[in-house]
Amino acid sequence: MDLNLKGKVILVTGGAKGIGAAIVRACGAEGATPVILDRDEEAGKQLQAALESSEVESGLIVADLTAPGSCAKAMERTIQKLGRLDALVNNAGVNDSVGLEQGSPERFVSSLERNLVHYYAMAHYALPALKNSRGSIVNISSKTAVTGQGGTSGYVAAKAAILGLTREWAAELLPFGIRVNAVVPAEVLTPLYQQWVSGFPNPEEKLARIISKIPLGKRTTKPEEIADMVLFLISERASHITGQHVFVDAGYTHLDRALT
């Protein structure tokens, strides 16, 4: 299926590793021009070099999205270099274990800054360019937004808010033809996920127990499978889809646990 993304400029936050990097690589494979926005300069440069070796044009912006003015500057640099923006993929975030008991109001606010506030800021500063292109936004959320997890109030609050904002922005941006959707992963074996699993006393046993509960295929979701859905949603093939929460999780969130 031709997604008609050739020449489209797609900015991906947290684009240097994990799900973000998979989205960036998928954009390149479709002939789009991905812009990697990440605070990890080395990982960003390695990914950009790999894209260049495949003759894929890309951009790299190194920034901490929680720093004042960083989101505005990232958008300015994107437009200055490439002249347009066709899609924004809000992806950057971290499950930082700021819980209700093992946390504080100050740490909770900091967690929202790491996982939520820059979603709004990036969308806000991207809006003029997206109006020009009648582009789209895809927000990456998490199954924890609807299931909870325990011990990670900040992250879950952010991911749930992202689902709400997806529908709010979809409603607000209807007059401009800008579509807004969310992709909701569950168990995706990214570097951050592996880091989380490694924090348990027996990581291999913990991972095996999680995988045993995944209904379809008894395996974790591949980052590339998340990327495929993201690219579909920002493409013309999804031209009448907006305000949706799309779960790419092998049925993990909603299917009856008796199945596993």
C-alpha atoms as a PDB file:
ATOM      1  CA  MET A   1       0.000   0.000   0.000  1.00  0.00           C
ATOM      2  CA  ASP A   2       1.389   3.367  -1.032  1.00  0.00           C
ATOM      3  CA  LEU A   3       0.861   5.745   1.885  1.00  0.00           C
ATOM      4  CA  ASN A   4       1.692   8.802  -0.261  1.00  0.00           C
ATOM      5  CA  LEU A   5       4.175  10.102   2.298  1.00  0.00           C
ATOM      6  CA  LYS A   6       6.984  10.885  -0.122  1.00  0.00           C
ATOM      7  CA  GLY A   7       8.403  14.313   0.592  1.00  0.00           C
ATOM      8  CA  LYS A   8       6.308  14.800   3.723  1.00  0.00           C
ATOM      9  CA  VAL A   9       8.094  16.275   6.738  1.00  0.00           C
ATOM     10  CA  ILE A  10       7.369  14.339   9.931  1.00  0.00           C
ATOM     11  CA  LEU A  11       8.740  15.446  13.300  1.00  0.00           C
ATOM     12  CA  VAL A  12       9.125  12.690  15.909  1.00  0.00           C
ATOM     13  CA  THR A  13       9.859  13.571  19.530  1.00  0.00           C
ATOM     14  CA  GLY A  14      11.977  11.005  21.345  1.00  0.00           C
ATOM     15  CA  GLY A  15      12.910   9.890  17.850  1.00  0.00           C
ATOM     16  CA  ALA A  16      16.407   8.534  18.486  1.00  0.00           C
ATOM     17  CA  LYS A  17      15.570   5.250  20.220  1.00  0.00           C
ATOM     18  CA  GLY A  18      12.855   2.687  20.797  1.00  0.00           C
ATOM     19  CA  ILE A  19       9.404   3.344  19.333  1.00  0.00           C
ATOM     20  CA  GLY A  20      10.481   6.791  18.139  1.00  0.00           C
ATOM     21  CA  ALA A  21      13.408   5.398  16.153  1.00  0.00           C
ATOM     22  CA  ALA A  22      11.148   2.757  14.591  1.00  0.00           C
ATOM     23  CA  ILE A  23       8.780   5.516  13.474  1.00  0.00           C
ATOM     24  CA  VAL A  24      11.673   7.517  12.041  1.00  0.00           C
ATOM     25  CA  ARG A  25      12.985   4.511  10.091  1.00  0.00           C
ATOM     26  CA  ALA A  26       9.498   3.729   8.779  1.00  0.00           C
ATOM     27  CA  CYS A  27       9.106   7.346   7.623  1.00  0.00           C
ATOM     28  CA  GLY A  28      12.365   7.074   5.703  1.00  0.00           C
ATOM     29  CA  ALA A  29      11.304   3.808   4.098  1.00  0.00           C
ATOM     30  CA  GLU A  30       8.148   5.513   2.821  1.00  0.00           C
ATOM     31  CA  GLY A  31      10.125   8.367   1.261  1.00  0.00           C
ATOM     32  CA  ALA A  32       9.198  10.912   3.913  1.00  0.00           C
ATOM     33  CA  THR A  33      11.653  13.286   5.587  1.00  0.00           C
ATOM     34  CA  PRO A  34      11.771  12.464   9.308  1.00  0.00           C
ATOM     35  CA  VAL A  35      13.030  14.992  11.843  1.00  0.00           C
ATOM     36  CA  ILE A  36      14.534  13.333  14.916  1.00  0.00           C
ATOM     37  CA  LEU A  37      13.978  15.381  18.063  1.00  0.00           C
ATOM     38  CA  ASP A  38      15.761  13.888  21.057  1.00  0.00           C
ATOM     39  CA  ARG A  39      18.044  14.842  23.924  1.00  0.00           C
ATOM     40  CA  ASP A  40      20.368  11.884  23.214  1.00  0.00           C
ATOM     41  CA  GLU A  41      22.730  13.413  20.668  1.00  0.00           C
ATOM     42  CA  GLU A  42      24.837  10.295  20.097  1.00  0.00           C
ATOM     43  CA  ALA A  43      21.842   8.037  19.435  1.00  0.00           C
ATOM     44  CA  GLY A  44      20.362  10.688  17.156  1.00  0.00           C
ATOM     45  CA  LYS A  45      23.552  10.975  15.124  1.00  0.00           C
ATOM     46  CA  GLN A  46      23.819   7.194  14.763  1.00  0.00           C
ATOM     47  CA  LEU A  47      20.258   6.945  13.498  1.00  0.00           C
ATOM     48  CA  GLN A  48      20.714   9.851  11.122  1.00  0.00           C
ATOM     49  CA  ALA A  49      23.893   8.274   9.736  1.00  0.00           C
ATOM     50  CA  ALA A  50      22.014   5.030   9.121  1.00  0.00           C
ATOM     51  CA  LEU A  51      19.304   6.953   7.273  1.00  0.00           C
ATOM     52  CA  GLU A  52      21.865   8.788   5.169  1.00  0.00           C
ATOM     53  CA  SER A  53      23.486   5.496   4.188  1.00  0.00           C
ATOM     54  CA  SER A  54      20.100   4.549   2.740  1.00  0.00           C
ATOM     55  CA  GLU A  55      19.894   7.935   0.978  1.00  0.00           C
ATOM     56  CA  VAL A  56      17.106   9.156   3.260  1.00  0.00           C
ATOM     57  CA  GLU A  57      16.996  12.889   3.950  1.00  0.00           C
ATOM     58  CA  SER A  58      16.421  13.633   7.616  1.00  0.00           C
ATOM     59  CA  GLY A  59      16.826  16.290  10.277  1.00  0.00           C
ATOM     60  CA  LEU A  60      18.234  16.074  13.787  1.00  0.00           C
ATOM     61  CA  ILE A  61      17.434  18.446  16.622  1.00  0.00           C
ATOM     62  CA  VAL A  62      19.066  17.802  19.986  1.00  0.00           C
ATOM     63  CA  ALA A  63      17.000  19.268  22.796  1.00  0.00           C
ATOM     64  CA  ASP A  64      15.572  18.572  26.236  1.00  0.00           C
ATOM     65  CA  LEU A  65      11.866  19.197  25.732  1.00  0.00           C
ATOM     66  CA  THR A  66      11.385  20.163  29.375  1.00  0.00           C
ATOM     67  CA  ALA A  67      13.769  23.119  29.005  1.00  0.00           C
ATOM     68  CA  PRO A  68      12.061  26.517  28.618  1.00  0.00           C
ATOM     69  CA  GLY A  69      11.651  27.504  24.980  1.00  0.00           C
ATOM     70  CA  SER A  70      12.992  24.211  23.612  1.00  0.00           C
ATOM     71  CA  CYS A  71       9.751  23.212  21.878  1.00  0.00           C
ATOM     72  CA  ALA A  72       9.379  26.574  20.157  1.00  0.00           C
ATOM     73  CA  LYS A  73      13.005  26.499  19.022  1.00  0.00           C
ATOM     74  CA  ALA A  74      12.645  22.952  17.692  1.00  0.00           C
ATOM     75  CA  MET A  75       9.705  23.996  15.534  1.00  0.00           C
ATOM     76  CA  GLU A  76      11.530  27.111  14.326  1.00  0.00           C
ATOM     77  CA  ARG A  77      14.541  25.040  13.267  1.00  0.00           C
ATOM     78  CA  THR A  78      12.349  22.494  11.471  1.00  0.00           C
ATOM     79  CA  ILE A  79      10.573  25.156   9.423  1.00  0.00           C
ATOM     80  CA  GLN A  80      13.787  27.070   8.727  1.00  0.00           C
ATOM     81  CA  LYS A  81      15.527  23.970   7.398  1.00  0.00           C
ATOM     82  CA  LEU A  82      12.698  22.135   5.637  1.00  0.00           C
ATOM     83  CA  GLY A  83      10.084  24.809   5.029  1.00  0.00           C
ATOM     84  CA  ARG A  84       7.067  22.811   6.148  1.00  0.00           C
ATOM     85  CA  LEU A  85       5.623  20.297   8.583  1.00  0.00           C
ATOM     86  CA  ASP A  86       3.112  17.624   7.595  1.00  0.00           C
ATOM     87  CA  ALA A  87       2.853  15.595  10.789  1.00  0.00           C
ATOM     88  CA  LEU A  88       3.847  15.770  14.432  1.00  0.00           C
ATOM     89  CA  VAL A  89       4.373  12.538  16.371  1.00  0.00           C
ATOM     90  CA  ASN A  90       4.436  13.212  20.106  1.00  0.00           C
ATOM     91  CA  ASN A  91       6.305  10.245  21.539  1.00  0.00           C
ATOM     92  CA  ALA A  92       8.949  11.310  24.087  1.00  0.00           C
ATOM     93  CA  GLY A  93       8.407  10.222  27.679  1.00  0.00           C
ATOM     94  CA  VAL A  94       9.556   7.923  30.447  1.00  0.00           C
ATOM     95  CA  ASN A  95       7.829   5.731  33.011  1.00  0.00           C
ATOM     96  CA  ASP A  96       9.558   7.372  35.955  1.00  0.00           C
ATOM     97  CA  SER A  97       7.875   5.588  38.909  1.00  0.00           C
ATOM     98  CA  VAL A  98       6.637   8.698  40.674  1.00  0.00           C
ATOM     99  CA  GLY A  99       3.988   7.041  42.820  1.00  0.00           C
ATOM    100  CA  LEU A 100       1.465   8.295  45.345  1.00  0.00           C
ATOM    101  CA  GLU A 101       3.310   6.918  48.363  1.00  0.00           C
ATOM    102  CA  GLN A 102       6.865   6.899  46.998  1.00  0.00           C
ATOM    103  CA  GLY A 103       6.709  10.403  45.562  1.00  0.00           C
ATOM    104  CA  SER A 104       5.819  13.988  46.343  1.00  0.00           C
ATOM    105  CA  PRO A 105       3.744  16.769  44.799  1.00  0.00           C
ATOM    106  CA  GLU A 106       6.948  18.311  43.447  1.00  0.00           C
ATOM    107  CA  ARG A 107       8.080  15.066  41.786  1.00  0.00           C
ATOM    108  CA  PHE A 108       4.568  14.575  40.399  1.00  0.00           C
ATOM    109  CA  VAL A 109       4.690  17.955  38.667  1.00  0.00           C
ATOM    110  CA  SER A 110       8.153  17.148  37.298  1.00  0.00           C
ATOM    111  CA  SER A 111       6.804  13.874  35.907  1.00  0.00           C
ATOM    112  CA  LEU A 112       4.035  15.752  34.097  1.00  0.00           C
ATOM    113  CA  GLU A 113       6.674  18.032  32.603  1.00  0.00           C
ATOM    114  CA  ARG A 114       8.610  15.010  31.329  1.00  0.00           C
ATOM    115  CA  ASN A 115       5.577  13.173  29.972  1.00  0.00           C
ATOM    116  CA  LEU A 116       2.767  15.607  29.177  1.00  0.00           C
ATOM    117  CA  VAL A 117       3.517  19.318  29.010  1.00  0.00           C
ATOM    118  CA  HIS A 118       5.764  19.087  25.944  1.00  0.00           C
ATOM    119  CA  TYR A 119       2.994  17.235  24.055  1.00  0.00           C
ATOM    120  CA  TYR A 120       0.901  20.388  24.392  1.00  0.00           C
ATOM    121  CA  ALA A 121       3.823  22.712  23.691  1.00  0.00           C
ATOM    122  CA  MET A 122       4.894  20.884  20.536  1.00  0.00           C
ATOM    123  CA  ALA A 123       1.328  20.813  19.204  1.00  0.00           C
ATOM    124  CA  HIS A 124       0.884  24.500  20.033  1.00  0.00           C
ATOM    125  CA  TYR A 125       4.015  25.589  18.179  1.00  0.00           C
ATOM    126  CA  ALA A 126       3.390  23.182  15.286  1.00  0.00           C
ATOM    127  CA  LEU A 127      -0.102  24.515  14.657  1.00  0.00           C
ATOM    128  CA  PRO A 128       0.675  27.255  12.103  1.00  0.00           C
ATOM    129  CA  ALA A 129       2.663  24.821   9.923  1.00  0.00           C
ATOM    130  CA  LEU A 130       0.057  22.072  10.288  1.00  0.00           C
ATOM    131  CA  LYS A 131      -2.677  24.508   9.239  1.00  0.00           C
ATOM    132  CA  ASN A 132      -0.721  25.252   6.074  1.00  0.00           C
ATOM    133  CA  SER A 133      -0.286  21.572   5.230  1.00  0.00           C
ATOM    134  CA  ARG A 134      -3.624  20.352   6.638  1.00  0.00           C
ATOM    135  CA  GLY A 135      -1.426  17.883   8.446  1.00  0.00           C
ATOM    136  CA  SER A 136      -1.973  15.603  11.411  1.00  0.00           C
ATOM    137  CA  ILE A 137      -0.868  14.772  14.931  1.00  0.00           C
ATOM    138  CA  VAL A 138      -0.331  11.336  16.449  1.00  0.00           C
ATOM    139  CA  ASN A 139       0.134  11.097  20.199  1.00  0.00           C
ATOM    140  CA  ILE A 140       1.745   8.020  21.734  1.00  0.00           C
ATOM    141  CA  SER A 141      -0.016   7.065  24.973  1.00  0.00           C
ATOM    142  CA  SER A 142       0.164   3.848  27.034  1.00  0.00           C
ATOM    143  CA  LYS A 143      -2.174   1.085  28.156  1.00  0.00           C
ATOM    144  CA  THR A 144      -1.453   2.224  31.716  1.00  0.00           C
ATOM    145  CA  ALA A 145      -3.751   5.182  30.965  1.00  0.00           C
ATOM    146  CA  VAL A 146      -6.737   2.824  31.113  1.00  0.00           C
ATOM    147  CA  THR A 147      -5.479  -0.015  33.330  1.00  0.00           C
ATOM    148  CA  GLY A 148      -3.257   1.699  35.879  1.00  0.00           C
ATOM    149  CA  GLN A 149      -0.007   0.056  36.922  1.00  0.00           C
ATOM    150  CA  GLY A 150       0.737   0.990  40.515  1.00  0.00           C
ATOM    151  CA  GLY A 151       3.555   3.175  41.736  1.00  0.00           C
ATOM    152  CA  THR A 152       3.693   5.512  38.750  1.00  0.00           C
ATOM    153  CA  SER A 153       1.074   8.223  39.259  1.00  0.00           C
ATOM    154  CA  GLY A 154       2.858  10.887  37.227  1.00  0.00           C
ATOM    155  CA  TYR A 155       3.319   8.750  34.121  1.00  0.00           C
ATOM    156  CA  VAL A 156      -0.213   7.336  34.218  1.00  0.00           C
ATOM    157  CA  ALA A 157      -1.751  10.775  34.748  1.00  0.00           C
ATOM    158  CA  ALA A 158       0.185  12.061  31.744  1.00  0.00           C
ATOM    159  CA  LYS A 159      -0.732   9.154  29.487  1.00  0.00           C
ATOM    160  CA  ALA A 160      -4.407   9.419  30.437  1.00  0.00           C
ATOM    161  CA  ALA A 161      -4.358  13.161  29.806  1.00  0.00           C
ATOM    162  CA  ILE A 162      -2.859  12.482  26.377  1.00  0.00           C
ATOM    163  CA  LEU A 163      -5.931  10.423  25.483  1.00  0.00           C
ATOM    164  CA  GLY A 164      -8.181  13.273  26.588  1.00  0.00           C
ATOM    165  CA  LEU A 165      -6.165  15.874  24.697  1.00  0.00           C
ATOM    166  CA  THR A 166      -6.267  13.748  21.565  1.00  0.00           C
ATOM    167  CA  ARG A 167     -10.044  14.074  21.455  1.00  0.00           C
ATOM    168  CA  GLU A 168     -10.004  17.719  22.569  1.00  0.00           C
ATOM    169  CA  TRP A 169      -7.537  18.687  19.837  1.00  0.00           C
ATOM    170  CA  ALA A 170      -9.397  16.616  17.236  1.00  0.00           C
ATOM    171  CA  ALA A 171     -12.520  18.637  18.057  1.00  0.00           C
ATOM    172  CA  GLU A 172     -10.748  22.005  18.145  1.00  0.00           C
ATOM    173  CA  LEU A 173      -8.859  21.468  14.891  1.00  0.00           C
ATOM    174  CA  LEU A 174     -11.764  20.206  12.780  1.00  0.00           C
ATOM    175  CA  PRO A 175     -12.122  23.557  10.959  1.00  0.00           C
ATOM    176  CA  PHE A 176      -8.525  23.289   9.735  1.00  0.00           C
ATOM    177  CA  GLY A 177      -8.743  19.698   8.508  1.00  0.00           C
ATOM    178  CA  ILE A 178      -6.062  18.646  11.013  1.00  0.00           C
ATOM    179  CA  ARG A 179      -6.594  15.102  12.249  1.00  0.00           C
ATOM    180  CA  VAL A 180      -5.459  14.021  15.721  1.00  0.00           C
ATOM    181  CA  ASN A 181      -5.235  10.405  16.889  1.00  0.00           C
ATOM    182  CA  ALA A 182      -3.513   8.412  19.615  1.00  0.00           C
ATOM    183  CA  VAL A 183      -1.717   5.084  19.442  1.00  0.00           C
ATOM    184  CA  VAL A 184      -1.774   3.054  22.642  1.00  0.00           C
ATOM    185  CA  PRO A 185       0.984   0.437  23.050  1.00  0.00           C
ATOM    186  CA  ALA A 186       1.209  -2.046  25.906  1.00  0.00           C
ATOM    187  CA  GLU A 187       4.222  -4.370  26.144  1.00  0.00           C
ATOM    188  CA  VAL A 188       6.867  -3.191  23.651  1.00  0.00           C
ATOM    189  CA  LEU A 189      10.443  -4.389  24.186  1.00  0.00           C
ATOM    190  CA  THR A 190      12.233  -1.039  23.883  1.00  0.00           C
ATOM    191  CA  PRO A 191      15.437  -0.070  25.739  1.00  0.00           C
ATOM    192  CA  LEU A 192      13.355   1.772  28.364  1.00  0.00           C
ATOM    193  CA  TYR A 193      11.078  -1.245  28.783  1.00  0.00           C
ATOM    194  CA  GLN A 194      14.082  -3.532  29.209  1.00  0.00           C
ATOM    195  CA  GLN A 195      15.456  -1.112  31.808  1.00  0.00           C
ATOM    196  CA  TRP A 196      12.145  -1.301  33.692  1.00  0.00           C
ATOM    197  CA  VAL A 197      12.098  -5.112  33.612  1.00  0.00           C
ATOM    198  CA  SER A 198      15.722  -5.271  34.779  1.00  0.00           C
ATOM    199  CA  GLY A 199      14.697  -3.524  37.994  1.00  0.00           C
ATOM    200  CA  PHE A 200      12.857  -6.642  39.221  1.00  0.00           C
ATOM    201  CA  PRO A 201      14.637  -9.314  41.316  1.00  0.00           C
ATOM    202  CA  ASN A 202      14.298 -11.891  38.518  1.00  0.00           C
ATOM    203  CA  PRO A 203      13.927  -9.982  35.218  1.00  0.00           C
ATOM    204  CA  GLU A 204      13.699 -13.047  32.969  1.00  0.00           C
ATOM    205  CA  GLU A 205      10.953 -14.566  35.090  1.00  0.00           C
ATOM    206  CA  LYS A 206       9.092 -11.235  35.181  1.00  0.00           C
ATOM    207  CA  LEU A 207       9.242 -10.862  31.391  1.00  0.00           C
ATOM    208  CA  ALA A 208       8.151 -14.461  30.825  1.00  0.00           C
ATOM    209  CA  ARG A 209       5.172 -13.912  33.141  1.00  0.00           C
ATOM    210  CA  ILE A 210       4.155 -10.770  31.213  1.00  0.00           C
ATOM    211  CA  ILE A 211       4.506 -12.480  27.833  1.00  0.00           C
ATOM    212  CA  SER A 212       2.367 -15.391  29.011  1.00  0.00           C
ATOM    213  CA  LYS A 213      -0.507 -12.899  29.443  1.00  0.00           C
ATOM    214  CA  ILE A 214      -0.305 -11.448  25.908  1.00  0.00           C
ATOM    215  CA  PRO A 215      -3.240 -12.983  24.000  1.00  0.00           C
ATOM    216  CA  LEU A 216      -2.133 -12.790  20.365  1.00  0.00           C
ATOM    217  CA  GLY A 217       1.095 -14.619  19.601  1.00  0.00           C
ATOM    218  CA  LYS A 218       2.387 -14.773  23.172  1.00  0.00           C
ATOM    219  CA  ARG A 219       5.052 -12.161  22.399  1.00  0.00           C
ATOM    220  CA  THR A 220       5.739  -8.496  22.991  1.00  0.00           C
ATOM    221  CA  THR A 221       4.744  -5.976  20.341  1.00  0.00           C
ATOM    222  CA  LYS A 222       7.532  -4.940  17.983  1.00  0.00           C
ATOM    223  CA  PRO A 223       8.359  -1.200  17.802  1.00  0.00           C
ATOM    224  CA  GLU A 224       7.921  -1.537  14.031  1.00  0.00           C
ATOM    225  CA  GLU A 225       4.300  -2.596  14.563  1.00  0.00           C
ATOM    226  CA  ILE A 226       3.635   0.617  16.456  1.00  0.00           C
ATOM    227  CA  ALA A 227       5.381   2.547  13.693  1.00  0.00           C
ATOM    228  CA  ASP A 228       3.214   0.956  11.012  1.00  0.00           C
ATOM    229  CA  MET A 229       0.046   2.196  12.720  1.00  0.00           C
ATOM    230  CA  VAL A 230       1.491   5.671  13.232  1.00  0.00           C
ATOM    231  CA  LEU A 231       2.363   5.984   9.552  1.00  0.00           C
ATOM    232  CA  PHE A 232      -1.073   4.786   8.507  1.00  0.00           C
ATOM    233  CA  LEU A 233      -2.734   7.368  10.759  1.00  0.00           C
ATOM    234  CA  ILE A 234      -0.703  10.277   9.379  1.00  0.00           C
ATOM    235  CA  SER A 235      -1.225   9.149   5.797  1.00  0.00           C
ATOM    236  CA  GLU A 236      -4.008  10.024   3.367  1.00  0.00           C
ATOM    237  CA  ARG A 237      -5.258   6.445   3.764  1.00  0.00           C
ATOM    238  CA  ALA A 238      -6.597   7.509   7.178  1.00  0.00           C
ATOM    239  CA  SER A 239      -8.194  10.688   5.822  1.00  0.00           C
ATOM    240  CA  HIS A 240     -11.492  10.206   7.703  1.00  0.00           C
ATOM    241  CA  ILE A 241     -10.047   9.042  11.028  1.00  0.00           C
ATOM    242  CA  THR A 242      -9.698  11.534  13.874  1.00  0.00           C
ATOM    243  CA  GLY A 243     -10.098  11.574  17.639  1.00  0.00           C
ATOM    244  CA  GLN A 244      -9.383   7.843  17.930  1.00  0.00           C
ATOM    245  CA  HIS A 245      -7.437   5.793  20.465  1.00  0.00           C
ATOM    246  CA  VAL A 246      -5.916   2.866  18.583  1.00  0.00           C
ATOM    247  CA  PHE A 247      -4.603   0.002  20.712  1.00  0.00           C
ATOM    248  CA  VAL A 248      -1.686  -1.877  19.137  1.00  0.00           C
ATOM    249  CA  ASP A 249      -1.177  -4.436  21.887  1.00  0.00           C
ATOM    250  CA  ALA A 250      -2.137  -7.971  20.721  1.00  0.00           C
ATOM    251  CA  GLY A 251      -5.350  -7.681  22.728  1.00  0.00           C
ATOM    252  CA  TYR A 252      -3.438  -7.288  25.991  1.00  0.00           C
ATOM    253  CA  THR A 253      -5.523  -4.422  27.384  1.00  0.00           C
ATOM    254  CA  HIS A 254      -9.051  -5.518  26.597  1.00  0.00           C
ATOM    255  CA  LEU A 255      -9.363  -9.248  25.989  1.00  0.00           C
ATOM    256  CA  ASP A 256     -10.508 -11.600  28.724  1.00  0.00           C
ATOM    257  CA  ARG A 257      -7.588 -12.819  30.866  1.00  0.00           C
ATOM    258  CA  ALA A 258      -9.137 -16.305  30.773  1.00  0.00           C
ATOM    259  CA  LEU A 259      -7.807 -16.527  27.227  1.00  0.00           C
ATOM    260  CA  THR A 260      -4.268 -16.541  28.574  1.00  0.00           C
END
